[in-house]
Protein backbone atom coordinates (compact mmCIF):
# COMPACT_ATOMS: atom_id res chain seq x y z
CA MET A 1 105.57 131.54 120.06
CA PRO A 2 109.08 130.50 121.18
CA GLU A 3 111.27 128.40 118.90
CA SER A 4 110.73 124.71 119.33
CA HIS A 5 113.59 122.09 119.36
CA THR A 6 114.02 118.29 119.31
CA SER A 7 116.16 116.38 121.82
CA ARG A 8 117.67 114.49 118.86
CA PRO A 9 118.58 116.06 115.45
CA LEU A 10 116.24 114.85 112.76
CA LEU A 11 118.83 115.51 110.07
CA THR A 12 122.28 114.14 110.73
CA THR A 13 125.71 114.38 109.09
CA ASP A 14 124.48 111.87 106.58
CA PHE A 15 122.17 114.61 105.27
CA ASP A 16 124.98 117.02 105.28
CA ARG A 17 127.03 114.66 103.09
CA ALA A 18 124.21 114.15 100.74
CA LEU A 19 123.74 117.77 100.34
CA GLN A 20 127.47 118.17 99.56
CA LEU A 21 127.26 115.34 97.01
CA ALA A 22 124.19 116.89 95.35
CA THR A 23 125.67 120.32 95.14
CA SER A 24 128.95 119.07 93.84
CA HIS A 25 127.44 116.81 91.24
CA HIS A 26 124.97 119.46 89.80
CA ARG A 27 127.28 122.49 90.44
CA ARG A 28 127.45 123.65 86.86
CA GLN A 29 123.86 122.69 85.89
CA LEU A 30 121.07 125.31 85.45
CA ARG A 31 117.33 124.99 85.24
CA LYS A 32 116.20 124.71 81.71
CA GLY A 33 116.11 128.13 80.04
CA THR A 34 117.14 130.05 83.11
CA GLU A 35 120.24 131.26 85.10
CA VAL A 36 118.87 129.48 88.20
CA PRO A 37 121.30 126.98 89.71
CA TYR A 38 119.83 123.39 89.49
CA THR A 39 120.52 123.01 93.24
CA ALA A 40 117.51 125.29 93.81
CA HIS A 41 115.29 122.53 92.50
CA LEU A 42 116.91 119.85 94.64
CA LEU A 43 116.52 122.00 97.77
CA ALA A 44 112.92 122.70 96.94
CA VAL A 45 112.07 119.03 96.44
CA CYS A 46 113.88 118.11 99.69
CA SER A 47 111.82 120.90 101.51
CA ILE A 48 108.54 119.56 100.18
CA VAL A 49 109.41 116.02 101.30
CA LEU A 50 110.27 117.09 104.71
CA GLU A 51 107.10 119.21 104.99
CA MET A 52 105.18 115.94 104.15
CA GLY A 53 106.76 114.43 107.14
CA GLY A 54 109.29 112.44 105.23
CA THR A 55 112.25 110.72 106.82
CA GLN A 56 115.95 111.72 106.56
CA THR A 57 116.30 108.93 104.02
CA GLU A 58 113.56 110.41 101.92
CA ALA A 59 115.21 113.84 102.18
CA ILE A 60 118.48 112.35 101.00
CA GLY A 61 116.72 110.63 98.05
CA ALA A 62 115.14 114.06 97.20
CA LEU A 63 118.58 115.80 97.19
CA LEU A 64 120.00 112.98 94.97
CA HIS A 65 116.87 112.10 92.84
CA ASP A 66 118.47 113.47 89.59
CA ALA A 67 122.06 112.52 90.23
CA VAL A 68 121.84 109.25 88.28
CA GLU A 69 120.07 110.39 85.25
CA ASP A 70 121.95 113.69 85.03
CA GLY A 71 125.31 112.16 84.14
CA GLY A 72 126.00 109.99 87.23
CA GLY A 73 124.62 106.75 85.87
CA PRO A 74 124.98 103.32 87.55
CA GLU A 75 128.25 104.30 89.26
CA MET A 76 126.51 107.15 91.06
CA LEU A 77 123.70 104.88 92.18
CA GLU A 78 126.19 102.45 93.64
CA ASN A 79 127.97 105.33 95.32
CA ILE A 80 124.71 106.42 96.87
CA ARG A 81 124.00 102.85 98.02
CA GLN A 82 127.50 102.63 99.73
CA ALA A 83 127.28 106.08 101.35
CA PHE A 84 123.60 106.25 102.36
CA GLY A 85 122.14 102.79 102.32
CA ALA A 86 119.95 100.61 100.08
CA ASP A 87 116.74 102.54 100.82
CA ALA A 88 118.25 105.84 99.60
CA ALA A 89 119.49 104.22 96.51
CA ARG A 90 116.09 102.60 95.88
CA ILE A 91 114.34 105.92 96.17
CA VAL A 92 116.78 107.52 93.73
CA ALA A 93 116.46 104.67 91.28
CA ALA A 94 112.64 104.88 91.39
CA ASN A 95 112.81 108.50 90.55
CA SER A 96 115.20 108.21 87.60
CA ASP A 97 113.72 108.27 84.18
CA THR A 98 116.82 106.52 82.70
CA ASP A 99 120.56 106.11 83.04
CA GLU A 100 120.98 105.53 79.29
CA VAL A 101 123.05 107.99 77.13
CA PRO A 102 121.56 109.30 74.95
CA LYS A 103 118.16 109.24 76.75
CA PRO A 104 115.32 107.33 75.00
CA PRO A 105 112.56 109.48 73.30
CA TRP A 106 110.67 111.83 75.65
CA ARG A 107 107.24 110.18 75.30
CA GLU A 108 108.63 106.67 75.75
CA ARG A 109 110.30 107.82 79.02
CA LYS A 110 107.27 109.57 80.45
CA GLU A 111 104.86 106.67 79.66
CA ALA A 112 107.37 104.33 81.48
CA TYR A 113 107.64 106.68 84.46
CA LEU A 114 103.79 106.95 84.69
CA ALA A 115 103.36 103.19 84.58
CA ALA A 116 105.87 102.60 87.33
CA ILE A 117 103.91 104.88 89.76
CA ALA A 118 101.50 102.02 90.40
CA ASP A 119 104.21 99.90 91.92
CA LYS A 120 106.24 102.61 93.71
CA GLN A 121 106.57 102.41 97.53
CA GLY A 122 105.28 105.22 99.74
CA ASP A 123 108.80 106.88 100.21
CA GLU A 124 109.48 106.67 96.54
CA LEU A 125 106.08 108.25 95.73
CA ARG A 126 106.60 111.16 98.11
CA VAL A 127 109.91 112.12 96.47
CA SER A 128 108.23 111.81 93.03
CA LEU A 129 105.17 114.02 94.02
CA ALA A 130 107.56 116.61 95.56
CA ASP A 131 109.61 116.63 92.38
CA LYS A 132 106.72 117.07 90.05
CA LEU A 133 105.05 119.63 92.24
CA HIS A 134 108.08 121.82 92.24
CA ASN A 135 108.48 121.40 88.46
CA ALA A 136 104.75 122.35 87.99
CA ARG A 137 105.21 125.41 90.22
CA SER A 138 108.14 126.54 88.10
CA ILE A 139 106.28 125.85 84.83
CA LEU A 140 103.35 128.03 86.03
CA ALA A 141 105.63 130.85 87.27
CA ASP A 142 107.68 130.90 84.04
CA TYR A 143 104.44 130.77 81.82
CA ARG A 144 103.20 133.86 83.60
CA THR A 145 106.41 135.60 82.63
CA ASP A 146 107.27 133.99 79.19
CA GLY A 147 104.00 132.82 77.84
CA GLU A 148 104.07 130.40 74.94
CA GLU A 149 107.78 130.80 74.46
CA LEU A 150 108.18 128.62 77.59
CA TRP A 151 107.39 125.42 75.73
CA SER A 152 110.55 125.68 73.64
CA ARG A 153 112.49 124.62 76.66
CA PHE A 154 110.91 121.20 76.63
CA ASN A 155 111.76 118.31 74.56
CA ALA A 156 108.01 118.16 73.63
CA ARG A 157 108.33 121.76 72.21
CA GLU A 158 104.68 122.55 72.86
CA SER A 159 102.17 122.73 75.64
CA GLY A 160 99.96 119.68 74.72
CA PRO A 161 102.35 116.89 75.69
CA VAL A 162 103.61 118.71 78.80
CA LEU A 163 100.13 119.28 80.09
CA TRP A 164 99.09 115.70 79.17
CA TYR A 165 102.08 114.35 81.20
CA TYR A 166 101.28 116.43 84.33
CA ARG A 167 97.66 115.73 84.30
CA ALA A 168 98.50 111.92 83.97
CA LEU A 169 100.89 112.32 86.88
CA LEU A 170 98.17 113.85 88.96
CA ASP A 171 95.77 110.91 88.14
CA ALA A 172 98.43 108.36 88.99
CA PHE A 173 99.26 110.11 92.33
CA ASP A 174 95.46 110.30 93.18
CA GLU A 175 95.25 106.57 92.68
CA ARG A 176 98.12 106.08 95.16
CA ALA A 177 96.94 108.68 97.74
CA GLU A 178 96.74 106.04 100.47
CA ALA A 179 100.35 104.99 99.92
CA LEU A 180 101.47 108.61 99.82
CA GLY A 181 100.10 109.11 103.27
CA GLU A 182 98.05 111.81 104.96
CA GLY A 183 101.06 114.17 105.12
CA ALA A 184 101.20 114.25 101.34
CA ALA A 185 97.63 115.55 100.91
CA PRO A 186 98.37 119.26 100.86
CA ALA A 187 101.05 118.74 98.24
CA LEU A 188 98.71 116.61 96.11
CA ALA A 189 95.99 119.33 96.39
CA GLU A 190 98.48 122.00 95.47
CA LEU A 191 99.60 120.08 92.30
CA ARG A 192 95.97 120.06 91.23
CA ARG A 193 95.45 123.81 91.86
CA VAL A 194 98.70 124.58 89.97
CA LEU A 195 97.61 122.57 87.01
CA ASP A 196 94.08 124.00 86.98
CA GLU A 197 95.65 127.47 86.82
CA LEU A 198 98.09 126.58 84.06
CA ASP A 199 95.38 124.93 82.02
CA ARG A 200 93.22 128.19 82.41
CA LEU A 201 96.06 130.41 81.31
CA VAL A 202 97.05 128.28 78.43
CA ALA A 203 93.35 128.15 77.24
CA ALA A 204 93.01 131.91 77.55
CA ALA A 205 96.08 132.40 75.33
CA ALA A 206 94.88 130.09 72.62
């Protein structure tokens, strides 16, 4: 089958600038407990969003979804608003646990994030689902390699709270399936499969 093209680019120079901002801001950051550049996560989340049929604004929000809580703070959010518009800033704000330093306790942040899913708009939800799906994929892959040692990377320090959080996320996303849209259905189904496999492996190791 020949390559297909569009008459108008779906990703413009705004996307290029957002990618540059994301890579610059996170340049020295690594994924927890690994030597993987953090940018790999941002690119994966962006890819999942685009595969759902997300807009360029959603893709920009995906690239920058951690820029506020990972050191950028309110100043970064304002920079995003000025550079990429109010909708991109809104998506990033909706996907930020906190801009406080130091961060509030882990459980408090996660319960607040879960509660907020009920009121998120569709574009905010798609970035959130993409973020959590890629995190869950990474957790499963790393658990297959590192086993129970994996949980030491998390603030929770053990599997129980982490598995609770991701199951609660899945339930919350299920309740917002209509707002997520049909394009998000494969990602939602994959999140369920990943968590089922992770539960199975953790139970077998117990």
